[in-house]
Amino acid sequence: MSETTPTTGPVGPQVDMAQLLVADDVGVRLEVVGGIPLWEMHPGFRYQKMVDRIRGTLEPIPGTESGCGCFHYADIYVHFPNSSLKRPDIYIFCQEPPETDEAVEQVPEAVIEVVSRGYEAKDLEIGPLFYLAQDVKDIVVFDPRTLLVLHVRKDGTRRLTSPVEIDLECGCRCRV
């Protein structure tokens, strides 16, 4: 995707990397889901600390030979096959995506979202359904105010309470 290539399809607004960088510079995250722009203020220190803490627990499940490298990244844009552009808190890949200055094109194995105050609907309702439709195998959503943890897979949703260890289908484990 070049700086002039739209990141959405024919439906909805056209957004390019230059616009995403401008939004970023003014402290706003921009995601485009199904042609609909979703704006969110950049998270604060406490929020980023939670994301880093969770990332620090990510590891291959001991005693398994899944072959997953459990590569995890925070706050990067991923361009999904349906022309949506998302920037969740943590992405987990088995194979490291190619380095790029643009959005990553590889669909992650798992996604972890930390619920942002004022954006609960985006994180708890819109995100999980979107990721399932994109063939993400595991979606973990953590609400630090209620300690609710949702672990969403195609076969259903488990409601858990933090702190909890979660084994992901790809062979990685995290503590939320």
N, C-alpha and C. Protein backbone atom coordinates (compact mmCIF):
# COMPACT_ATOMS: atom_id res chain seq x y z
N MET A 1 0.86 -1.16 0.00
CA MET A 1 0.00 0.00 0.00
C MET A 1 0.90 1.23 0.00
N SER A 2 0.78 2.07 -0.98
CA SER A 2 1.59 3.29 -1.04
C SER A 2 0.88 4.42 -0.33
N GLU A 3 1.56 5.57 -0.20
CA GLU A 3 0.94 6.69 0.50
C GLU A 3 -0.29 7.23 -0.21
N THR A 4 -0.45 6.92 -1.48
CA THR A 4 -1.62 7.42 -2.19
C THR A 4 -2.66 6.34 -2.44
N THR A 5 -2.39 5.11 -2.02
CA THR A 5 -3.35 4.03 -2.22
C THR A 5 -4.41 4.10 -1.13
N PRO A 6 -5.71 4.11 -1.49
CA PRO A 6 -6.75 4.14 -0.46
C PRO A 6 -6.69 2.87 0.38
N THR A 7 -7.06 3.02 1.65
CA THR A 7 -7.07 1.87 2.53
C THR A 7 -8.48 1.33 2.72
N THR A 8 -9.45 1.88 2.02
CA THR A 8 -10.80 1.33 2.05
C THR A 8 -11.24 1.08 0.63
N GLY A 9 -12.26 0.25 0.49
CA GLY A 9 -12.81 -0.06 -0.83
C GLY A 9 -13.73 1.03 -1.31
N PRO A 10 -14.58 0.71 -2.29
CA PRO A 10 -15.43 1.72 -2.89
C PRO A 10 -16.52 2.25 -1.95
N VAL A 11 -16.80 1.52 -0.87
CA VAL A 11 -17.82 1.98 0.07
C VAL A 11 -17.14 2.76 1.18
N GLY A 12 -17.65 3.94 1.49
CA GLY A 12 -17.12 4.71 2.61
C GLY A 12 -16.01 5.65 2.20
N PRO A 13 -15.47 6.36 3.19
CA PRO A 13 -14.45 7.37 2.92
C PRO A 13 -13.15 6.74 2.46
N GLN A 14 -12.40 7.49 1.69
CA GLN A 14 -11.08 7.06 1.25
C GLN A 14 -10.06 7.62 2.23
N VAL A 15 -9.22 6.76 2.79
CA VAL A 15 -8.23 7.16 3.77
C VAL A 15 -6.87 6.65 3.27
N ASP A 16 -5.87 7.50 3.27
CA ASP A 16 -4.54 7.06 2.88
C ASP A 16 -3.59 7.20 4.06
N MET A 17 -2.39 6.68 3.92
CA MET A 17 -1.42 6.69 5.01
C MET A 17 -1.10 8.10 5.47
N ALA A 18 -1.06 9.07 4.57
CA ALA A 18 -0.78 10.45 4.96
C ALA A 18 -1.85 10.95 5.93
N GLN A 19 -3.11 10.62 5.68
CA GLN A 19 -4.19 11.04 6.59
C GLN A 19 -4.06 10.34 7.94
N LEU A 20 -3.66 9.08 7.93
CA LEU A 20 -3.48 8.36 9.18
C LEU A 20 -2.37 8.98 10.01
N LEU A 21 -1.32 9.40 9.36
CA LEU A 21 -0.20 10.05 10.07
C LEU A 21 -0.62 11.39 10.65
N VAL A 22 -1.43 12.15 9.92
CA VAL A 22 -1.92 13.43 10.43
C VAL A 22 -2.79 13.18 11.66
N ALA A 23 -3.68 12.20 11.59
CA ALA A 23 -4.52 11.86 12.74
C ALA A 23 -3.64 11.49 13.93
N ASP A 24 -2.63 10.68 13.68
CA ASP A 24 -1.71 10.26 14.73
C ASP A 24 -1.01 11.45 15.37
N ASP A 25 -0.57 12.41 14.54
CA ASP A 25 0.13 13.59 15.04
C ASP A 25 -0.71 14.45 15.97
N VAL A 26 -2.03 14.45 15.77
CA VAL A 26 -2.91 15.25 16.63
C VAL A 26 -3.50 14.43 17.78
N GLY A 27 -2.98 13.18 17.96
CA GLY A 27 -3.40 12.38 19.10
C GLY A 27 -4.67 11.60 18.90
N VAL A 28 -4.98 11.25 17.66
CA VAL A 28 -6.21 10.51 17.36
C VAL A 28 -5.85 9.24 16.62
N ARG A 29 -6.46 8.13 17.02
CA ARG A 29 -6.35 6.87 16.28
C ARG A 29 -7.51 6.82 15.29
N LEU A 30 -7.23 6.40 14.09
CA LEU A 30 -8.27 6.25 13.09
C LEU A 30 -8.28 4.80 12.63
N GLU A 31 -9.45 4.17 12.68
CA GLU A 31 -9.64 2.84 12.11
C GLU A 31 -10.78 2.94 11.12
N VAL A 32 -10.78 2.09 10.11
CA VAL A 32 -11.86 2.06 9.13
C VAL A 32 -12.37 0.63 9.08
N VAL A 33 -13.63 0.43 9.49
CA VAL A 33 -14.23 -0.90 9.53
C VAL A 33 -15.44 -0.90 8.61
N GLY A 34 -15.36 -1.69 7.54
CA GLY A 34 -16.48 -1.76 6.60
C GLY A 34 -16.78 -0.41 5.98
N GLY A 35 -15.76 0.42 5.78
CA GLY A 35 -15.95 1.73 5.18
C GLY A 35 -16.37 2.81 6.17
N ILE A 36 -16.54 2.46 7.44
CA ILE A 36 -16.96 3.42 8.46
C ILE A 36 -15.75 3.82 9.30
N PRO A 37 -15.42 5.13 9.34
CA PRO A 37 -14.29 5.56 10.16
C PRO A 37 -14.64 5.54 11.64
N LEU A 38 -13.71 5.03 12.45
CA LEU A 38 -13.87 5.01 13.90
C LEU A 38 -12.69 5.77 14.49
N TRP A 39 -13.00 6.84 15.23
CA TRP A 39 -11.97 7.70 15.83
C TRP A 39 -11.87 7.41 17.31
N GLU A 40 -10.66 7.51 17.83
CA GLU A 40 -10.43 7.27 19.24
C GLU A 40 -9.21 8.08 19.66
N MET A 41 -9.27 8.71 20.82
CA MET A 41 -8.11 9.43 21.34
C MET A 41 -7.02 8.43 21.70
N HIS A 42 -5.76 8.86 21.61
CA HIS A 42 -4.66 7.99 22.00
C HIS A 42 -4.78 7.64 23.48
N PRO A 43 -4.45 6.42 23.83
CA PRO A 43 -4.56 6.00 25.23
C PRO A 43 -3.50 6.64 26.11
N GLY A 44 -3.79 6.67 27.39
CA GLY A 44 -2.87 7.26 28.36
C GLY A 44 -1.86 6.27 28.91
N PHE A 45 -1.09 6.74 29.86
CA PHE A 45 0.01 5.99 30.45
C PHE A 45 -0.46 4.68 31.08
N ARG A 46 -1.50 4.75 31.93
CA ARG A 46 -1.98 3.55 32.64
C ARG A 46 -2.41 2.47 31.65
N TYR A 47 -3.08 2.88 30.60
CA TYR A 47 -3.56 1.98 29.56
C TYR A 47 -2.38 1.31 28.85
N GLN A 48 -1.38 2.10 28.45
CA GLN A 48 -0.21 1.55 27.76
C GLN A 48 0.56 0.60 28.67
N LYS A 49 0.58 0.91 29.95
CA LYS A 49 1.25 0.04 30.91
C LYS A 49 0.57 -1.33 30.96
N MET A 50 -0.76 -1.36 30.91
CA MET A 50 -1.50 -2.62 30.90
C MET A 50 -1.18 -3.43 29.64
N VAL A 51 -1.14 -2.75 28.51
CA VAL A 51 -0.81 -3.42 27.25
C VAL A 51 0.58 -4.03 27.33
N ASP A 52 1.54 -3.27 27.83
CA ASP A 52 2.92 -3.78 27.96
C ASP A 52 2.98 -4.96 28.93
N ARG A 53 2.23 -4.89 30.02
CA ARG A 53 2.22 -6.00 30.99
C ARG A 53 1.71 -7.28 30.34
N ILE A 54 0.62 -7.17 29.58
CA ILE A 54 0.06 -8.35 28.90
C ILE A 54 1.06 -8.88 27.88
N ARG A 55 1.66 -7.99 27.09
CA ARG A 55 2.65 -8.42 26.09
C ARG A 55 3.81 -9.16 26.75
N GLY A 56 4.18 -8.74 27.95
CA GLY A 56 5.28 -9.38 28.66
C GLY A 56 4.98 -10.81 29.09
N THR A 57 3.71 -11.21 29.07
CA THR A 57 3.35 -12.58 29.47
C THR A 57 3.20 -13.51 28.27
N LEU A 58 3.21 -12.97 27.06
CA LEU A 58 3.00 -13.80 25.87
C LEU A 58 4.17 -14.73 25.64
N GLU A 59 3.87 -16.02 25.51
CA GLU A 59 4.90 -17.03 25.29
C GLU A 59 4.27 -18.26 24.67
N PRO A 60 5.09 -19.12 24.05
CA PRO A 60 4.55 -20.40 23.58
C PRO A 60 4.06 -21.22 24.78
N ILE A 61 3.00 -21.99 24.58
CA ILE A 61 2.50 -22.84 25.66
C ILE A 61 3.56 -23.91 25.94
N PRO A 62 4.04 -23.99 27.20
CA PRO A 62 5.08 -24.97 27.53
C PRO A 62 4.63 -26.40 27.19
N GLY A 63 5.56 -27.16 26.62
CA GLY A 63 5.29 -28.56 26.31
C GLY A 63 4.56 -28.80 25.00
N THR A 64 4.29 -27.75 24.24
CA THR A 64 3.62 -27.94 22.95
C THR A 64 4.59 -27.64 21.82
N GLU A 65 4.32 -28.21 20.70
CA GLU A 65 5.15 -28.01 19.51
C GLU A 65 4.31 -27.36 18.41
N SER A 66 3.69 -26.23 18.69
CA SER A 66 2.77 -25.61 17.74
C SER A 66 3.49 -24.99 16.54
N GLY A 67 4.76 -24.65 16.72
CA GLY A 67 5.50 -24.00 15.65
C GLY A 67 5.21 -22.51 15.54
N CYS A 68 4.40 -21.98 16.43
CA CYS A 68 4.07 -20.55 16.40
C CYS A 68 5.18 -19.77 17.11
N GLY A 69 5.66 -18.73 16.46
CA GLY A 69 6.70 -17.89 17.04
C GLY A 69 6.19 -16.90 18.06
N CYS A 70 4.87 -16.76 18.19
CA CYS A 70 4.25 -15.84 19.15
C CYS A 70 4.82 -14.43 19.02
N PHE A 71 4.96 -13.96 17.77
CA PHE A 71 5.40 -12.59 17.54
C PHE A 71 4.24 -11.67 17.90
N HIS A 72 4.50 -10.68 18.74
CA HIS A 72 3.42 -9.78 19.16
C HIS A 72 3.86 -8.33 19.01
N TYR A 73 2.92 -7.53 18.60
CA TYR A 73 3.17 -6.11 18.34
C TYR A 73 2.03 -5.30 18.91
N ALA A 74 2.32 -4.09 19.33
CA ALA A 74 1.31 -3.21 19.90
C ALA A 74 1.04 -2.06 18.95
N ASP A 75 -0.26 -1.77 18.78
CA ASP A 75 -0.67 -0.52 18.16
C ASP A 75 -0.13 -0.31 16.74
N ILE A 76 -0.25 -1.35 15.90
CA ILE A 76 0.14 -1.21 14.50
C ILE A 76 -1.10 -1.34 13.62
N TYR A 77 -1.07 -0.69 12.48
CA TYR A 77 -2.17 -0.81 11.54
C TYR A 77 -2.07 -2.12 10.78
N VAL A 78 -3.21 -2.80 10.64
CA VAL A 78 -3.30 -3.99 9.80
C VAL A 78 -4.41 -3.74 8.80
N HIS A 79 -4.09 -3.95 7.53
CA HIS A 79 -5.04 -3.80 6.43
C HIS A 79 -5.62 -5.18 6.15
N PHE A 80 -6.90 -5.36 6.44
CA PHE A 80 -7.55 -6.66 6.28
C PHE A 80 -8.05 -6.84 4.86
N PRO A 81 -8.25 -8.10 4.44
CA PRO A 81 -8.69 -8.39 3.06
C PRO A 81 -9.99 -7.68 2.65
N ASN A 82 -10.86 -7.35 3.60
CA ASN A 82 -12.11 -6.67 3.24
C ASN A 82 -11.94 -5.15 3.14
N SER A 83 -10.71 -4.69 3.06
CA SER A 83 -10.34 -3.28 2.94
C SER A 83 -10.52 -2.49 4.23
N SER A 84 -10.74 -3.16 5.34
CA SER A 84 -10.79 -2.49 6.63
C SER A 84 -9.38 -2.30 7.17
N LEU A 85 -9.24 -1.30 8.01
CA LEU A 85 -7.96 -0.96 8.61
C LEU A 85 -8.17 -0.87 10.11
N LYS A 86 -7.49 -1.75 10.87
CA LYS A 86 -7.65 -1.77 12.32
C LYS A 86 -6.30 -1.59 12.99
N ARG A 87 -6.37 -1.08 14.22
CA ARG A 87 -5.17 -0.82 15.01
C ARG A 87 -5.43 -1.24 16.45
N PRO A 88 -5.53 -2.55 16.68
CA PRO A 88 -5.83 -2.99 18.06
C PRO A 88 -4.60 -2.88 18.96
N ASP A 89 -4.82 -3.16 20.20
CA ASP A 89 -3.76 -2.99 21.18
C ASP A 89 -2.62 -3.98 21.00
N ILE A 90 -2.95 -5.27 20.78
CA ILE A 90 -1.92 -6.30 20.61
C ILE A 90 -2.34 -7.23 19.49
N TYR A 91 -1.42 -7.47 18.56
CA TYR A 91 -1.58 -8.46 17.51
C TYR A 91 -0.60 -9.58 17.78
N ILE A 92 -1.00 -10.83 17.50
CA ILE A 92 -0.12 -11.97 17.64
C ILE A 92 -0.07 -12.70 16.30
N PHE A 93 1.15 -12.92 15.83
CA PHE A 93 1.40 -13.62 14.57
C PHE A 93 2.29 -14.83 14.85
N CYS A 94 2.08 -15.92 14.12
CA CYS A 94 2.99 -17.07 14.24
C CYS A 94 4.25 -16.83 13.43
N GLN A 95 4.10 -16.22 12.26
CA GLN A 95 5.23 -15.87 11.42
C GLN A 95 5.38 -14.35 11.45
N GLU A 96 6.58 -13.88 11.61
CA GLU A 96 6.79 -12.44 11.67
C GLU A 96 6.40 -11.79 10.34
N PRO A 97 5.56 -10.74 10.39
CA PRO A 97 5.17 -10.07 9.15
C PRO A 97 6.37 -9.35 8.53
N PRO A 98 6.35 -9.16 7.21
CA PRO A 98 7.44 -8.40 6.58
C PRO A 98 7.48 -6.97 7.13
N GLU A 99 8.69 -6.44 7.28
CA GLU A 99 8.83 -5.06 7.75
C GLU A 99 8.32 -4.11 6.68
N THR A 100 7.57 -3.11 7.11
CA THR A 100 7.00 -2.14 6.18
C THR A 100 6.74 -0.83 6.91
N ASP A 101 6.69 0.25 6.16
CA ASP A 101 6.29 1.54 6.72
C ASP A 101 4.79 1.74 6.53
N GLU A 102 4.15 0.81 5.92
CA GLU A 102 2.71 0.87 5.65
C GLU A 102 1.99 -0.09 6.61
N ALA A 103 0.72 -0.26 6.41
CA ALA A 103 -0.05 -1.21 7.22
C ALA A 103 0.37 -2.63 6.89
N VAL A 104 0.41 -3.49 7.90
CA VAL A 104 0.71 -4.90 7.72
C VAL A 104 -0.46 -5.54 6.98
N GLU A 105 -0.17 -6.43 6.04
CA GLU A 105 -1.21 -7.07 5.23
C GLU A 105 -1.56 -8.46 5.74
N GLN A 106 -0.82 -8.99 6.68
CA GLN A 106 -1.00 -10.35 7.18
C GLN A 106 -2.07 -10.37 8.28
N VAL A 107 -3.02 -11.31 8.17
CA VAL A 107 -4.06 -11.44 9.20
C VAL A 107 -3.43 -12.10 10.42
N PRO A 108 -3.62 -11.53 11.61
CA PRO A 108 -3.02 -12.10 12.81
C PRO A 108 -3.75 -13.37 13.26
N GLU A 109 -3.05 -14.17 14.05
CA GLU A 109 -3.65 -15.36 14.65
C GLU A 109 -4.58 -14.97 15.79
N ALA A 110 -4.20 -13.94 16.54
CA ALA A 110 -4.96 -13.51 17.72
C ALA A 110 -4.84 -12.01 17.89
N VAL A 111 -5.82 -11.46 18.59
CA VAL A 111 -5.87 -10.02 18.89
C VAL A 111 -6.25 -9.88 20.36
N ILE A 112 -5.60 -8.94 21.04
CA ILE A 112 -5.97 -8.61 22.41
C ILE A 112 -6.29 -7.13 22.45
N GLU A 113 -7.46 -6.80 22.98
CA GLU A 113 -7.91 -5.41 23.13
C GLU A 113 -8.08 -5.10 24.61
N VAL A 114 -7.63 -3.93 25.02
CA VAL A 114 -7.90 -3.41 26.35
C VAL A 114 -8.98 -2.34 26.17
N VAL A 115 -10.08 -2.49 26.87
CA VAL A 115 -11.22 -1.58 26.70
C VAL A 115 -10.84 -0.18 27.15
N SER A 116 -11.10 0.78 26.27
CA SER A 116 -10.84 2.19 26.56
C SER A 116 -12.12 2.84 27.08
N ARG A 117 -11.97 3.65 28.11
CA ARG A 117 -13.12 4.38 28.65
C ARG A 117 -13.71 5.26 27.56
N GLY A 118 -15.02 5.14 27.37
CA GLY A 118 -15.72 5.92 26.35
C GLY A 118 -15.81 5.20 25.01
N TYR A 119 -15.07 4.09 24.86
CA TYR A 119 -15.06 3.34 23.60
C TYR A 119 -15.45 1.88 23.83
N GLU A 120 -16.24 1.64 24.87
CA GLU A 120 -16.62 0.29 25.24
C GLU A 120 -17.33 -0.45 24.11
N ALA A 121 -18.24 0.21 23.41
CA ALA A 121 -18.98 -0.44 22.32
C ALA A 121 -18.02 -0.88 21.21
N LYS A 122 -17.08 -0.03 20.87
CA LYS A 122 -16.10 -0.37 19.82
C LYS A 122 -15.29 -1.60 20.21
N ASP A 123 -14.83 -1.64 21.47
CA ASP A 123 -13.97 -2.73 21.91
C ASP A 123 -14.74 -4.01 22.23
N LEU A 124 -15.92 -3.89 22.83
CA LEU A 124 -16.66 -5.07 23.29
C LEU A 124 -17.65 -5.62 22.26
N GLU A 125 -18.18 -4.77 21.39
CA GLU A 125 -19.22 -5.22 20.45
C GLU A 125 -18.75 -5.25 19.00
N ILE A 126 -18.16 -4.19 18.53
CA ILE A 126 -17.77 -4.11 17.11
C ILE A 126 -16.53 -4.97 16.84
N GLY A 127 -15.50 -4.82 17.65
CA GLY A 127 -14.23 -5.49 17.42
C GLY A 127 -14.30 -7.01 17.33
N PRO A 128 -14.85 -7.70 18.34
CA PRO A 128 -14.86 -9.16 18.29
C PRO A 128 -15.55 -9.73 17.04
N LEU A 129 -16.69 -9.19 16.69
CA LEU A 129 -17.41 -9.68 15.49
C LEU A 129 -16.61 -9.41 14.22
N PHE A 130 -16.00 -8.24 14.15
CA PHE A 130 -15.17 -7.91 12.99
C PHE A 130 -14.02 -8.91 12.86
N TYR A 131 -13.28 -9.13 13.95
CA TYR A 131 -12.12 -10.02 13.89
C TYR A 131 -12.51 -11.45 13.53
N LEU A 132 -13.62 -11.93 14.09
CA LEU A 132 -14.09 -13.28 13.73
C LEU A 132 -14.36 -13.37 12.23
N ALA A 133 -14.98 -12.35 11.67
CA ALA A 133 -15.29 -12.33 10.23
C ALA A 133 -14.02 -12.30 9.38
N GLN A 134 -12.90 -11.88 9.96
CA GLN A 134 -11.62 -11.81 9.24
C GLN A 134 -10.76 -13.05 9.49
N ASP A 135 -11.33 -14.06 10.14
CA ASP A 135 -10.65 -15.33 10.43
C ASP A 135 -9.55 -15.23 11.47
N VAL A 136 -9.64 -14.25 12.37
CA VAL A 136 -8.75 -14.22 13.52
C VAL A 136 -9.25 -15.31 14.46
N LYS A 137 -8.35 -16.19 14.91
CA LYS A 137 -8.77 -17.37 15.68
C LYS A 137 -9.15 -17.06 17.12
N ASP A 138 -8.44 -16.14 17.76
CA ASP A 138 -8.70 -15.80 19.17
C ASP A 138 -8.78 -14.30 19.31
N ILE A 139 -9.81 -13.83 19.99
CA ILE A 139 -9.96 -12.42 20.33
C ILE A 139 -10.11 -12.36 21.85
N VAL A 140 -9.24 -11.62 22.49
CA VAL A 140 -9.31 -11.44 23.94
C VAL A 140 -9.58 -9.96 24.18
N VAL A 141 -10.63 -9.69 24.97
CA VAL A 141 -10.99 -8.31 25.30
C VAL A 141 -10.97 -8.19 26.82
N PHE A 142 -10.19 -7.23 27.32
CA PHE A 142 -10.04 -7.03 28.76
C PHE A 142 -10.53 -5.65 29.14
N ASP A 143 -11.46 -5.61 30.10
CA ASP A 143 -11.94 -4.34 30.64
C ASP A 143 -11.31 -4.15 32.02
N PRO A 144 -10.31 -3.26 32.13
CA PRO A 144 -9.61 -3.11 33.40
C PRO A 144 -10.46 -2.53 34.52
N ARG A 145 -11.56 -1.86 34.20
CA ARG A 145 -12.41 -1.29 35.25
C ARG A 145 -13.30 -2.34 35.90
N THR A 146 -13.73 -3.35 35.14
CA THR A 146 -14.62 -4.39 35.68
C THR A 146 -13.90 -5.72 35.88
N LEU A 147 -12.68 -5.84 35.33
CA LEU A 147 -11.88 -7.07 35.33
C LEU A 147 -12.50 -8.16 34.44
N LEU A 148 -13.50 -7.81 33.64
CA LEU A 148 -14.10 -8.74 32.69
C LEU A 148 -13.10 -9.06 31.58
N VAL A 149 -12.97 -10.34 31.27
CA VAL A 149 -12.16 -10.79 30.14
C VAL A 149 -13.07 -11.64 29.26
N LEU A 150 -13.20 -11.25 28.00
CA LEU A 150 -13.92 -12.07 27.03
C LEU A 150 -12.89 -12.78 26.17
N HIS A 151 -13.06 -14.09 26.03
CA HIS A 151 -12.22 -14.86 25.11
C HIS A 151 -13.15 -15.39 24.02
N VAL A 152 -13.02 -14.80 22.84
CA VAL A 152 -13.95 -15.06 21.74
C VAL A 152 -13.27 -15.92 20.68
N ARG A 153 -13.97 -16.99 20.31
CA ARG A 153 -13.57 -17.87 19.20
C ARG A 153 -14.81 -18.17 18.38
N LYS A 154 -14.60 -18.76 17.22
CA LYS A 154 -15.75 -19.11 16.36
C LYS A 154 -16.73 -20.03 17.08
N ASP A 155 -16.23 -20.88 17.99
CA ASP A 155 -17.11 -21.83 18.68
C ASP A 155 -17.77 -21.24 19.92
N GLY A 156 -17.57 -19.95 20.20
CA GLY A 156 -18.25 -19.33 21.32
C GLY A 156 -17.38 -18.35 22.09
N THR A 157 -17.99 -17.79 23.12
CA THR A 157 -17.33 -16.77 23.96
C THR A 157 -17.30 -17.24 25.40
N ARG A 158 -16.13 -17.15 26.02
CA ARG A 158 -16.01 -17.43 27.44
C ARG A 158 -15.89 -16.11 28.19
N ARG A 159 -16.65 -15.97 29.26
CA ARG A 159 -16.56 -14.80 30.14
C ARG A 159 -15.69 -15.20 31.33
N LEU A 160 -14.59 -14.49 31.50
CA LEU A 160 -13.63 -14.80 32.54
C LEU A 160 -13.40 -13.56 33.40
N THR A 161 -12.66 -13.73 34.48
CA THR A 161 -12.31 -12.61 35.35
C THR A 161 -10.80 -12.55 35.48
N SER A 162 -10.25 -11.35 35.33
CA SER A 162 -8.81 -11.13 35.47
C SER A 162 -8.43 -11.18 36.94
N PRO A 163 -7.27 -11.75 37.25
CA PRO A 163 -6.24 -12.27 36.37
C PRO A 163 -6.56 -13.71 35.94
N VAL A 164 -6.19 -14.01 34.68
CA VAL A 164 -6.45 -15.33 34.12
C VAL A 164 -5.43 -15.62 33.02
N GLU A 165 -5.00 -16.87 32.93
CA GLU A 165 -4.15 -17.30 31.82
C GLU A 165 -5.03 -17.84 30.72
N ILE A 166 -4.71 -17.51 29.48
CA ILE A 166 -5.50 -17.95 28.34
C ILE A 166 -4.56 -18.62 27.34
N ASP A 167 -4.91 -19.86 26.97
CA ASP A 167 -4.19 -20.57 25.92
C ASP A 167 -4.87 -20.24 24.60
N LEU A 168 -4.08 -19.77 23.65
CA LEU A 168 -4.59 -19.39 22.34
C LEU A 168 -4.45 -20.56 21.37
N GLU A 169 -5.34 -20.61 20.42
CA GLU A 169 -5.38 -21.72 19.45
C GLU A 169 -4.05 -21.87 18.70
N CYS A 170 -3.34 -20.78 18.48
CA CYS A 170 -2.09 -20.83 17.72
C CYS A 170 -0.95 -21.48 18.49
N GLY A 171 -1.13 -21.67 19.82
CA GLY A 171 -0.07 -22.28 20.62
C GLY A 171 0.62 -21.29 21.55
N CYS A 172 0.10 -20.09 21.67
CA CYS A 172 0.65 -19.09 22.57
C CYS A 172 -0.22 -19.01 23.83
N ARG A 173 0.35 -18.45 24.87
CA ARG A 173 -0.37 -18.24 26.14
C ARG A 173 -0.15 -16.82 26.58
N CYS A 174 -1.18 -16.24 27.20
CA CYS A 174 -1.04 -14.90 27.77
C CYS A 174 -1.73 -14.86 29.12
N ARG A 175 -1.35 -13.88 29.91
CA ARG A 175 -1.99 -13.65 31.22
C ARG A 175 -2.61 -12.26 31.15
N VAL A 176 -3.90 -12.22 31.41
CA VAL A 176 -4.64 -10.96 31.35
C VAL A 176 -5.19 -10.66 32.73
